[in-house]
N, C-alpha and C. Protein backbone atom coordinates (compact mmCIF):
# COMPACT_ATOMS: atom_id res chain seq x y z
N MET A 1 0.82 -1.17 0.00
CA MET A 1 0.00 0.00 0.00
C MET A 1 0.88 1.25 0.00
N ARG A 2 1.94 1.23 -0.76
CA ARG A 2 2.82 2.38 -0.82
C ARG A 2 2.70 3.04 -2.19
N SER A 3 2.73 4.33 -2.16
CA SER A 3 2.73 5.10 -3.38
C SER A 3 3.29 6.47 -3.05
N ASN A 4 3.36 7.34 -4.04
CA ASN A 4 3.79 8.72 -3.81
C ASN A 4 5.17 8.77 -3.14
N GLY A 5 6.17 8.25 -3.81
CA GLY A 5 7.53 8.34 -3.30
C GLY A 5 7.85 7.37 -2.19
N GLY A 6 7.11 6.26 -2.08
CA GLY A 6 7.41 5.27 -1.08
C GLY A 6 6.73 5.47 0.25
N HIS A 7 5.88 6.47 0.37
CA HIS A 7 5.19 6.72 1.63
C HIS A 7 3.78 6.13 1.58
N SER A 8 3.41 5.44 2.65
CA SER A 8 2.06 4.89 2.73
C SER A 8 1.07 6.03 2.99
N PRO A 9 -0.21 5.79 2.75
CA PRO A 9 -1.22 6.82 3.07
C PRO A 9 -1.16 7.24 4.54
N PHE A 10 -0.83 6.31 5.43
CA PHE A 10 -0.75 6.63 6.86
C PHE A 10 0.44 7.54 7.16
N GLU A 11 1.56 7.29 6.48
CA GLU A 11 2.73 8.16 6.64
C GLU A 11 2.45 9.56 6.09
N ARG A 12 1.74 9.61 4.97
CA ARG A 12 1.41 10.91 4.39
C ARG A 12 0.45 11.68 5.29
N LEU A 13 -0.48 10.99 5.94
CA LEU A 13 -1.38 11.66 6.87
C LEU A 13 -0.61 12.21 8.06
N LYS A 14 0.34 11.46 8.56
CA LYS A 14 1.19 11.94 9.67
C LYS A 14 1.97 13.17 9.23
N GLN A 15 2.50 13.16 8.02
CA GLN A 15 3.22 14.33 7.50
C GLN A 15 2.29 15.54 7.40
N TYR A 16 1.06 15.28 6.98
CA TYR A 16 0.08 16.37 6.90
C TYR A 16 -0.12 16.99 8.28
N TYR A 17 -0.36 16.15 9.30
CA TYR A 17 -0.55 16.67 10.65
C TYR A 17 0.69 17.43 11.12
N ASN A 18 1.88 16.91 10.83
CA ASN A 18 3.12 17.58 11.24
C ASN A 18 3.24 18.98 10.64
N HIS A 19 2.76 19.16 9.42
CA HIS A 19 2.92 20.44 8.73
C HIS A 19 1.72 21.37 8.88
N GLU A 20 0.53 20.81 8.98
CA GLU A 20 -0.68 21.63 8.95
C GLU A 20 -1.35 21.84 10.31
N GLU A 21 -1.16 20.94 11.24
CA GLU A 21 -1.83 21.06 12.53
C GLU A 21 -0.80 21.31 13.62
N ARG A 22 -0.25 22.51 13.60
CA ARG A 22 0.82 22.89 14.52
C ARG A 22 0.32 23.74 15.68
N VAL A 23 -0.85 24.36 15.55
CA VAL A 23 -1.34 25.30 16.55
C VAL A 23 -2.21 24.58 17.57
N CYS A 24 -1.88 24.76 18.85
CA CYS A 24 -2.64 24.14 19.94
C CYS A 24 -4.04 24.75 19.99
N GLN A 25 -5.04 23.91 20.06
CA GLN A 25 -6.42 24.37 20.13
C GLN A 25 -6.76 24.96 21.49
N GLU A 26 -5.96 24.66 22.50
CA GLU A 26 -6.22 25.15 23.85
C GLU A 26 -5.58 26.52 24.11
N CYS A 27 -4.28 26.64 23.82
CA CYS A 27 -3.57 27.88 24.19
C CYS A 27 -3.11 28.70 22.98
N GLY A 28 -3.22 28.15 21.76
CA GLY A 28 -2.83 28.89 20.56
C GLY A 28 -1.35 28.85 20.23
N PHE A 29 -0.56 28.11 20.99
CA PHE A 29 0.88 28.01 20.74
C PHE A 29 1.13 27.28 19.43
N GLU A 30 2.03 27.83 18.59
CA GLU A 30 2.41 27.17 17.34
C GLU A 30 3.68 26.37 17.57
N ASP A 31 3.55 25.06 17.51
CA ASP A 31 4.68 24.14 17.73
C ASP A 31 5.34 23.86 16.38
N ARG A 32 6.27 24.72 16.01
CA ARG A 32 6.91 24.62 14.69
C ARG A 32 7.79 23.38 14.52
N TYR A 33 8.32 22.87 15.61
CA TYR A 33 9.28 21.77 15.51
C TYR A 33 8.76 20.45 16.05
N GLY A 34 7.56 20.46 16.60
CA GLY A 34 6.99 19.24 17.15
C GLY A 34 6.44 18.33 16.06
N THR A 35 6.26 17.09 16.40
CA THR A 35 5.69 16.13 15.45
C THR A 35 4.55 15.36 16.12
N TRP A 36 3.74 14.80 15.31
CA TRP A 36 2.65 13.94 15.78
C TRP A 36 3.18 12.52 15.91
N ASP A 37 2.69 11.81 16.90
CA ASP A 37 3.02 10.39 17.07
C ASP A 37 1.90 9.56 16.48
N ALA A 38 2.24 8.38 15.98
CA ALA A 38 1.24 7.46 15.44
C ALA A 38 1.41 6.11 16.11
N GLU A 39 0.30 5.56 16.58
CA GLU A 39 0.31 4.23 17.20
C GLU A 39 -0.88 3.45 16.66
N THR A 40 -0.69 2.14 16.55
CA THR A 40 -1.79 1.30 16.11
C THR A 40 -1.88 0.06 16.98
N ASP A 41 -3.09 -0.45 17.11
CA ASP A 41 -3.30 -1.71 17.82
C ASP A 41 -3.72 -2.80 16.84
N GLY A 42 -3.59 -2.50 15.54
CA GLY A 42 -3.97 -3.44 14.51
C GLY A 42 -5.37 -3.22 13.98
N SER A 43 -6.21 -2.57 14.76
CA SER A 43 -7.57 -2.31 14.30
C SER A 43 -7.86 -0.82 14.19
N ASP A 44 -7.11 0.01 14.89
CA ASP A 44 -7.24 1.46 14.82
C ASP A 44 -5.85 2.07 14.77
N ILE A 45 -5.76 3.29 14.24
CA ILE A 45 -4.50 4.02 14.29
C ILE A 45 -4.81 5.39 14.90
N ALA A 46 -4.02 5.76 15.91
CA ALA A 46 -4.23 7.03 16.61
C ALA A 46 -3.03 7.93 16.38
N TYR A 47 -3.30 9.15 15.93
CA TYR A 47 -2.29 10.18 15.77
C TYR A 47 -2.47 11.14 16.95
N THR A 48 -1.40 11.39 17.70
CA THR A 48 -1.50 12.26 18.88
C THR A 48 -0.38 13.29 18.89
N HIS A 49 -0.69 14.43 19.51
CA HIS A 49 0.30 15.49 19.70
C HIS A 49 0.04 16.14 21.04
N THR A 50 1.11 16.40 21.79
CA THR A 50 1.01 17.08 23.07
C THR A 50 1.67 18.45 22.95
N CYS A 51 0.93 19.48 23.33
CA CYS A 51 1.44 20.85 23.27
C CYS A 51 2.57 21.01 24.28
N PRO A 52 3.75 21.47 23.83
CA PRO A 52 4.86 21.65 24.76
C PRO A 52 4.65 22.80 25.75
N ARG A 53 3.74 23.70 25.44
CA ARG A 53 3.51 24.84 26.33
C ARG A 53 2.51 24.51 27.44
N CYS A 54 1.33 24.00 27.06
CA CYS A 54 0.27 23.81 28.07
C CYS A 54 -0.01 22.34 28.38
N GLY A 55 0.55 21.41 27.59
CA GLY A 55 0.34 19.99 27.85
C GLY A 55 -0.95 19.42 27.30
N ALA A 56 -1.73 20.24 26.59
CA ALA A 56 -2.98 19.75 26.01
C ALA A 56 -2.68 18.69 24.96
N GLU A 57 -3.51 17.66 24.92
CA GLU A 57 -3.33 16.59 23.94
C GLU A 57 -4.40 16.69 22.86
N GLN A 58 -3.96 16.49 21.64
CA GLN A 58 -4.86 16.47 20.50
C GLN A 58 -4.72 15.09 19.86
N GLU A 59 -5.83 14.53 19.38
CA GLU A 59 -5.80 13.18 18.82
C GLU A 59 -6.75 13.07 17.63
N HIS A 60 -6.30 12.33 16.65
CA HIS A 60 -7.13 11.91 15.52
C HIS A 60 -7.04 10.38 15.48
N THR A 61 -8.18 9.70 15.40
CA THR A 61 -8.18 8.24 15.37
C THR A 61 -8.90 7.75 14.12
N LEU A 62 -8.27 6.83 13.41
CA LEU A 62 -8.89 6.17 12.26
C LEU A 62 -9.26 4.76 12.66
N GLU A 63 -10.51 4.41 12.43
CA GLU A 63 -10.97 3.06 12.75
C GLU A 63 -10.76 2.17 11.53
N LEU A 64 -9.73 1.36 11.58
CA LEU A 64 -9.41 0.49 10.45
C LEU A 64 -10.24 -0.78 10.45
N SER A 65 -10.82 -1.11 11.59
CA SER A 65 -11.51 -2.39 11.72
C SER A 65 -13.02 -2.26 11.61
N ASN A 66 -13.52 -1.13 11.14
CA ASN A 66 -14.95 -0.93 11.05
C ASN A 66 -15.57 -2.02 10.17
N HIS A 67 -16.41 -2.85 10.76
CA HIS A 67 -17.01 -3.98 10.05
C HIS A 67 -17.79 -3.52 8.82
N ASP A 68 -18.55 -2.44 8.94
CA ASP A 68 -19.34 -1.95 7.81
C ASP A 68 -18.43 -1.53 6.66
N THR A 69 -17.32 -0.89 6.97
CA THR A 69 -16.37 -0.48 5.94
C THR A 69 -15.79 -1.69 5.23
N ARG A 70 -15.38 -2.70 5.99
CA ARG A 70 -14.84 -3.92 5.38
C ARG A 70 -15.88 -4.57 4.48
N HIS A 71 -17.14 -4.60 4.93
CA HIS A 71 -18.20 -5.22 4.15
C HIS A 71 -18.37 -4.51 2.81
N VAL A 72 -18.39 -3.19 2.83
CA VAL A 72 -18.53 -2.41 1.59
C VAL A 72 -17.33 -2.64 0.69
N LEU A 73 -16.12 -2.66 1.25
CA LEU A 73 -14.93 -2.90 0.45
C LEU A 73 -14.95 -4.28 -0.17
N ASN A 74 -15.39 -5.28 0.58
CA ASN A 74 -15.46 -6.64 0.04
C ASN A 74 -16.48 -6.73 -1.08
N GLU A 75 -17.64 -6.07 -0.93
CA GLU A 75 -18.64 -6.07 -2.00
C GLU A 75 -18.08 -5.42 -3.25
N SER A 76 -17.39 -4.30 -3.09
CA SER A 76 -16.80 -3.60 -4.22
C SER A 76 -15.78 -4.49 -4.92
N ARG A 77 -14.95 -5.17 -4.16
CA ARG A 77 -13.94 -6.07 -4.73
C ARG A 77 -14.61 -7.21 -5.49
N GLU A 78 -15.67 -7.78 -4.90
CA GLU A 78 -16.38 -8.87 -5.57
C GLU A 78 -17.00 -8.40 -6.88
N ARG A 79 -17.55 -7.18 -6.91
CA ARG A 79 -18.12 -6.64 -8.14
C ARG A 79 -17.05 -6.50 -9.22
N ARG A 80 -15.88 -5.97 -8.84
CA ARG A 80 -14.79 -5.80 -9.81
C ARG A 80 -14.34 -7.14 -10.36
N LEU A 81 -14.21 -8.14 -9.50
CA LEU A 81 -13.80 -9.47 -9.95
C LEU A 81 -14.84 -10.07 -10.89
N HIS A 82 -16.11 -9.89 -10.56
CA HIS A 82 -17.19 -10.41 -11.41
C HIS A 82 -17.15 -9.73 -12.78
N GLN A 83 -16.97 -8.40 -12.80
CA GLN A 83 -16.90 -7.68 -14.07
C GLN A 83 -15.69 -8.13 -14.88
N ARG A 84 -14.57 -8.36 -14.22
CA ARG A 84 -13.37 -8.82 -14.91
C ARG A 84 -13.61 -10.20 -15.52
N ASP A 85 -14.22 -11.09 -14.74
CA ASP A 85 -14.50 -12.44 -15.23
C ASP A 85 -15.43 -12.41 -16.43
N GLN A 86 -16.43 -11.53 -16.40
CA GLN A 86 -17.35 -11.42 -17.53
C GLN A 86 -16.64 -10.91 -18.77
N SER A 87 -15.75 -9.94 -18.61
CA SER A 87 -15.06 -9.40 -19.78
C SER A 87 -14.08 -10.43 -20.36
N LEU A 88 -13.53 -11.31 -19.53
CA LEU A 88 -12.62 -12.33 -20.03
C LEU A 88 -13.34 -13.44 -20.77
N SER A 89 -14.60 -13.67 -20.43
CA SER A 89 -15.34 -14.76 -21.07
C SER A 89 -15.97 -14.34 -22.39
N VAL A 90 -15.89 -13.08 -22.73
CA VAL A 90 -16.49 -12.59 -23.99
C VAL A 90 -15.60 -12.83 -25.15
């Protein structure tokens, strides 16, 4: 799942947070040199940042294990495979 110069979508999202979400929502401090941390438990990925001035924590969480999302993705994959099989049999 790598593209765009070898960076995964998750790495690119972390880079986005590092560059675009620098201002603390609590105290307004701009953390120009801080970075966001990323952790996963295999089913979710959490991006977190702690303001060096006031200690406020900011978090973005992606739910990778959402059953409904997997179901929709599986249906979409099955449709593509079915369409491919039909085009090959023509």
